[in-house]
Each structure stands twice: as structure tokens, then as C-alpha cells.
Amino acid sequence: GLRLAEQNRPDLYVLEVGLIDGSGFDLLKQVRSWTPAAPVVICSADVRETTRQQASAAGVSAFFAKPVNLDALAAEVSRLLSH
């Protein structure tokens, strides 16, 4: 997935905070190095205030708690891509 993201530079990223092989925030740093202006949406079961604050400080465009309302996620993705 990382290799594809680096090669293709998506217009928007949807990330999880808790990954098996690392932190979603570490991944976010890599994403920002490739496409600094691309919106990033976090979908996570980790809804602690500290996690939300970290996401906000990292410039995350939107944060969704799992289970994610797919209609709300789709609407937010559409809104972010229309800018």
C-alpha cells in the first residue's frame, strides 16, 4: 500500500491510527512528505481526546469514530475533494 501511495499520490487519504505494523500518525508523516496538500481522514476506534488532538495538530481534515457511518464518510470525502 505504501509503495502504491508513493507512486500514485492519491488526492485524499483515509487512515487508521492503530496499525499492526506501526502508528497511523507515522504513516501520516510519510503521506505528508509525498502530497502535503492532500486531505487526510482518520477512521479509528481510538477516540480518546489526546488522539483527536494529535490528529488535529497533524492537520487531519476529519476524524471519524468506528464504526464509521459510511454515508457521513462519503459526504465528507466528496466535500474535501470538491475544494
N, C-alpha and C. Protein backbone atom coordinates (compact mmCIF):
# COMPACT_ATOMS: atom_id res chain seq x y z
N GLY A 1 0.80 -1.18 0.00
CA GLY A 1 0.00 0.00 0.00
C GLY A 1 0.85 1.26 0.00
N LEU A 2 1.92 1.26 0.81
CA LEU A 2 2.78 2.44 0.87
C LEU A 2 3.43 2.74 -0.47
N ARG A 3 3.91 1.70 -1.11
CA ARG A 3 4.57 1.87 -2.41
C ARG A 3 3.59 2.46 -3.43
N LEU A 4 2.37 1.94 -3.44
CA LEU A 4 1.36 2.46 -4.37
C LEU A 4 1.02 3.92 -4.07
N ALA A 5 0.90 4.25 -2.80
CA ALA A 5 0.60 5.62 -2.43
C ALA A 5 1.72 6.56 -2.85
N GLU A 6 2.96 6.12 -2.65
CA GLU A 6 4.09 6.97 -3.03
C GLU A 6 4.15 7.16 -4.54
N GLN A 7 3.87 6.10 -5.29
CA GLN A 7 3.94 6.17 -6.75
C GLN A 7 2.77 6.93 -7.35
N ASN A 8 1.57 6.77 -6.79
CA ASN A 8 0.37 7.31 -7.41
C ASN A 8 -0.13 8.62 -6.80
N ARG A 9 0.33 8.96 -5.61
CA ARG A 9 -0.04 10.21 -4.96
C ARG A 9 -1.55 10.47 -4.99
N PRO A 10 -2.31 9.74 -4.18
CA PRO A 10 -3.76 9.91 -4.16
C PRO A 10 -4.17 11.35 -3.81
N ASP A 11 -5.38 11.72 -4.20
CA ASP A 11 -5.91 13.04 -3.91
C ASP A 11 -6.38 13.17 -2.47
N LEU A 12 -6.62 12.03 -1.81
CA LEU A 12 -7.11 12.00 -0.43
C LEU A 12 -6.70 10.68 0.20
N TYR A 13 -6.43 10.72 1.50
CA TYR A 13 -6.06 9.50 2.23
C TYR A 13 -7.05 9.26 3.34
N VAL A 14 -7.39 7.99 3.57
CA VAL A 14 -8.18 7.56 4.72
C VAL A 14 -7.28 6.62 5.51
N LEU A 15 -6.99 7.00 6.74
CA LEU A 15 -6.05 6.25 7.56
C LEU A 15 -6.68 5.81 8.88
N GLU A 16 -6.08 4.79 9.47
CA GLU A 16 -6.42 4.31 10.81
C GLU A 16 -5.26 4.68 11.72
N VAL A 17 -5.54 5.00 12.96
CA VAL A 17 -4.48 5.36 13.91
C VAL A 17 -3.71 4.12 14.35
N GLY A 18 -4.43 3.07 14.73
CA GLY A 18 -3.79 1.87 15.25
C GLY A 18 -3.54 0.85 14.16
N LEU A 19 -2.30 0.75 13.74
CA LEU A 19 -1.93 -0.21 12.70
C LEU A 19 -1.11 -1.35 13.32
N ILE A 20 -1.17 -2.50 12.72
CA ILE A 20 -0.43 -3.66 13.23
C ILE A 20 1.07 -3.41 13.22
N ASP A 21 1.55 -2.77 12.16
CA ASP A 21 2.99 -2.60 12.00
C ASP A 21 3.47 -1.17 12.24
N GLY A 22 2.69 -0.38 12.96
CA GLY A 22 3.13 0.98 13.27
C GLY A 22 1.97 1.88 13.61
N SER A 23 2.25 3.16 13.66
CA SER A 23 1.26 4.16 14.00
C SER A 23 0.73 4.84 12.75
N GLY A 24 -0.55 5.09 12.74
CA GLY A 24 -1.14 5.84 11.64
C GLY A 24 -0.57 7.25 11.56
N PHE A 25 -0.11 7.78 12.70
CA PHE A 25 0.49 9.11 12.69
C PHE A 25 1.87 9.09 12.03
N ASP A 26 2.60 7.99 12.17
CA ASP A 26 3.86 7.84 11.43
C ASP A 26 3.60 7.76 9.94
N LEU A 27 2.57 7.01 9.57
CA LEU A 27 2.18 6.91 8.17
C LEU A 27 1.76 8.28 7.64
N LEU A 28 1.06 9.03 8.45
CA LEU A 28 0.63 10.37 8.05
C LEU A 28 1.83 11.25 7.72
N LYS A 29 2.91 11.14 8.49
CA LYS A 29 4.12 11.92 8.19
C LYS A 29 4.67 11.57 6.82
N GLN A 30 4.66 10.27 6.48
CA GLN A 30 5.14 9.86 5.16
C GLN A 30 4.22 10.41 4.07
N VAL A 31 2.93 10.29 4.28
CA VAL A 31 1.96 10.79 3.31
C VAL A 31 2.17 12.28 3.06
N ARG A 32 2.36 13.03 4.13
CA ARG A 32 2.57 14.47 4.01
C ARG A 32 3.84 14.80 3.22
N SER A 33 4.85 13.95 3.30
CA SER A 33 6.08 14.22 2.55
C SER A 33 5.86 14.03 1.05
N TRP A 34 4.90 13.18 0.67
CA TRP A 34 4.63 12.94 -0.75
C TRP A 34 3.62 13.93 -1.30
N THR A 35 2.57 14.16 -0.57
CA THR A 35 1.48 15.02 -1.03
C THR A 35 1.02 15.90 0.13
N PRO A 36 1.74 16.99 0.38
CA PRO A 36 1.48 17.82 1.55
C PRO A 36 0.07 18.40 1.62
N ALA A 37 -0.54 18.66 0.48
CA ALA A 37 -1.85 19.31 0.49
C ALA A 37 -3.02 18.33 0.47
N ALA A 38 -2.76 17.05 0.30
CA ALA A 38 -3.86 16.08 0.22
C ALA A 38 -4.60 15.99 1.54
N PRO A 39 -5.92 16.03 1.51
CA PRO A 39 -6.69 15.88 2.73
C PRO A 39 -6.49 14.47 3.32
N VAL A 40 -6.52 14.40 4.63
CA VAL A 40 -6.39 13.12 5.33
C VAL A 40 -7.58 12.97 6.28
N VAL A 41 -8.24 11.83 6.17
CA VAL A 41 -9.36 11.48 7.04
C VAL A 41 -8.91 10.31 7.90
N ILE A 42 -9.14 10.42 9.20
CA ILE A 42 -8.84 9.33 10.12
C ILE A 42 -10.14 8.63 10.49
N CYS A 43 -10.13 7.30 10.42
CA CYS A 43 -11.22 6.47 10.91
C CYS A 43 -10.61 5.55 11.96
N SER A 44 -11.07 5.68 13.21
CA SER A 44 -10.39 4.94 14.27
C SER A 44 -11.32 4.59 15.42
N ALA A 45 -11.00 3.47 16.06
CA ALA A 45 -11.69 3.09 17.29
C ALA A 45 -11.09 3.82 18.48
N ASP A 46 -9.91 4.39 18.30
CA ASP A 46 -9.25 5.14 19.36
C ASP A 46 -9.80 6.56 19.35
N VAL A 47 -10.76 6.81 20.19
CA VAL A 47 -11.44 8.11 20.19
C VAL A 47 -11.08 8.96 21.41
N ARG A 48 -9.97 8.62 22.04
CA ARG A 48 -9.53 9.44 23.18
C ARG A 48 -9.27 10.87 22.73
N GLU A 49 -9.50 11.80 23.64
CA GLU A 49 -9.29 13.21 23.32
C GLU A 49 -7.85 13.49 22.90
N THR A 50 -6.90 12.80 23.51
CA THR A 50 -5.49 13.00 23.13
C THR A 50 -5.23 12.58 21.69
N THR A 51 -5.91 11.53 21.25
CA THR A 51 -5.76 11.07 19.86
C THR A 51 -6.38 12.08 18.91
N ARG A 52 -7.54 12.58 19.26
CA ARG A 52 -8.18 13.61 18.42
C ARG A 52 -7.32 14.88 18.34
N GLN A 53 -6.74 15.26 19.47
CA GLN A 53 -5.87 16.44 19.49
C GLN A 53 -4.63 16.22 18.64
N GLN A 54 -4.06 15.04 18.72
CA GLN A 54 -2.89 14.71 17.90
C GLN A 54 -3.25 14.77 16.42
N ALA A 55 -4.42 14.26 16.08
CA ALA A 55 -4.88 14.30 14.69
C ALA A 55 -5.06 15.74 14.22
N SER A 56 -5.67 16.54 15.05
CA SER A 56 -5.88 17.94 14.70
C SER A 56 -4.55 18.66 14.52
N ALA A 57 -3.62 18.43 15.44
CA ALA A 57 -2.30 19.06 15.35
C ALA A 57 -1.54 18.61 14.10
N ALA A 58 -1.82 17.41 13.62
CA ALA A 58 -1.15 16.88 12.42
C ALA A 58 -1.81 17.36 11.14
N GLY A 59 -2.89 18.14 11.27
CA GLY A 59 -3.55 18.68 10.08
C GLY A 59 -4.56 17.75 9.44
N VAL A 60 -5.07 16.80 10.21
CA VAL A 60 -6.08 15.88 9.69
C VAL A 60 -7.35 16.66 9.37
N SER A 61 -7.94 16.39 8.24
CA SER A 61 -9.12 17.12 7.79
C SER A 61 -10.39 16.70 8.49
N ALA A 62 -10.50 15.43 8.84
CA ALA A 62 -11.70 14.92 9.51
C ALA A 62 -11.34 13.68 10.31
N PHE A 63 -12.09 13.45 11.37
CA PHE A 63 -11.87 12.30 12.25
C PHE A 63 -13.21 11.62 12.46
N PHE A 64 -13.27 10.32 12.15
CA PHE A 64 -14.49 9.54 12.33
C PHE A 64 -14.23 8.41 13.31
N ALA A 65 -15.13 8.26 14.26
CA ALA A 65 -15.06 7.15 15.21
C ALA A 65 -15.65 5.90 14.57
N LYS A 66 -15.00 4.76 14.83
CA LYS A 66 -15.53 3.48 14.35
C LYS A 66 -16.60 3.00 15.32
N PRO A 67 -17.65 2.37 14.88
CA PRO A 67 -17.94 2.08 13.47
C PRO A 67 -18.34 3.35 12.73
N VAL A 68 -17.82 3.48 11.54
CA VAL A 68 -18.00 4.69 10.74
C VAL A 68 -19.34 4.65 10.02
N ASN A 69 -20.03 5.77 10.06
CA ASN A 69 -21.24 5.95 9.27
C ASN A 69 -20.76 6.21 7.83
N LEU A 70 -20.99 5.24 6.96
CA LEU A 70 -20.44 5.34 5.60
C LEU A 70 -21.03 6.49 4.80
N ASP A 71 -22.29 6.82 5.04
CA ASP A 71 -22.87 7.97 4.34
C ASP A 71 -22.18 9.26 4.75
N ALA A 72 -21.90 9.41 6.04
CA ALA A 72 -21.20 10.60 6.52
C ALA A 72 -19.77 10.65 5.98
N LEU A 73 -19.10 9.50 5.95
CA LEU A 73 -17.75 9.45 5.41
C LEU A 73 -17.75 9.82 3.93
N ALA A 74 -18.66 9.26 3.17
CA ALA A 74 -18.74 9.55 1.74
C ALA A 74 -19.02 11.04 1.50
N ALA A 75 -19.89 11.61 2.31
CA ALA A 75 -20.20 13.04 2.16
C ALA A 75 -18.97 13.89 2.46
N GLU A 76 -18.22 13.52 3.50
CA GLU A 76 -17.02 14.29 3.86
C GLU A 76 -15.94 14.14 2.79
N VAL A 77 -15.76 12.95 2.26
CA VAL A 77 -14.79 12.74 1.19
C VAL A 77 -15.17 13.59 -0.03
N SER A 78 -16.43 13.58 -0.39
CA SER A 78 -16.89 14.40 -1.52
C SER A 78 -16.63 15.88 -1.27
N ARG A 79 -16.93 16.33 -0.04
CA ARG A 79 -16.71 17.73 0.30
C ARG A 79 -15.23 18.09 0.21
N LEU A 80 -14.38 17.24 0.74
CA LEU A 80 -12.94 17.52 0.73
C LEU A 80 -12.37 17.53 -0.69
N LEU A 81 -12.85 16.64 -1.52
CA LEU A 81 -12.33 16.56 -2.89
C LEU A 81 -12.86 17.67 -3.79
N SER A 82 -13.94 18.30 -3.38
CA SER A 82 -14.51 19.37 -4.20
C SER A 82 -13.80 20.71 -4.00
N HIS A 83 -12.92 20.78 -3.02
CA HIS A 83 -12.20 22.04 -2.76
C HIS A 83 -11.00 22.18 -3.64
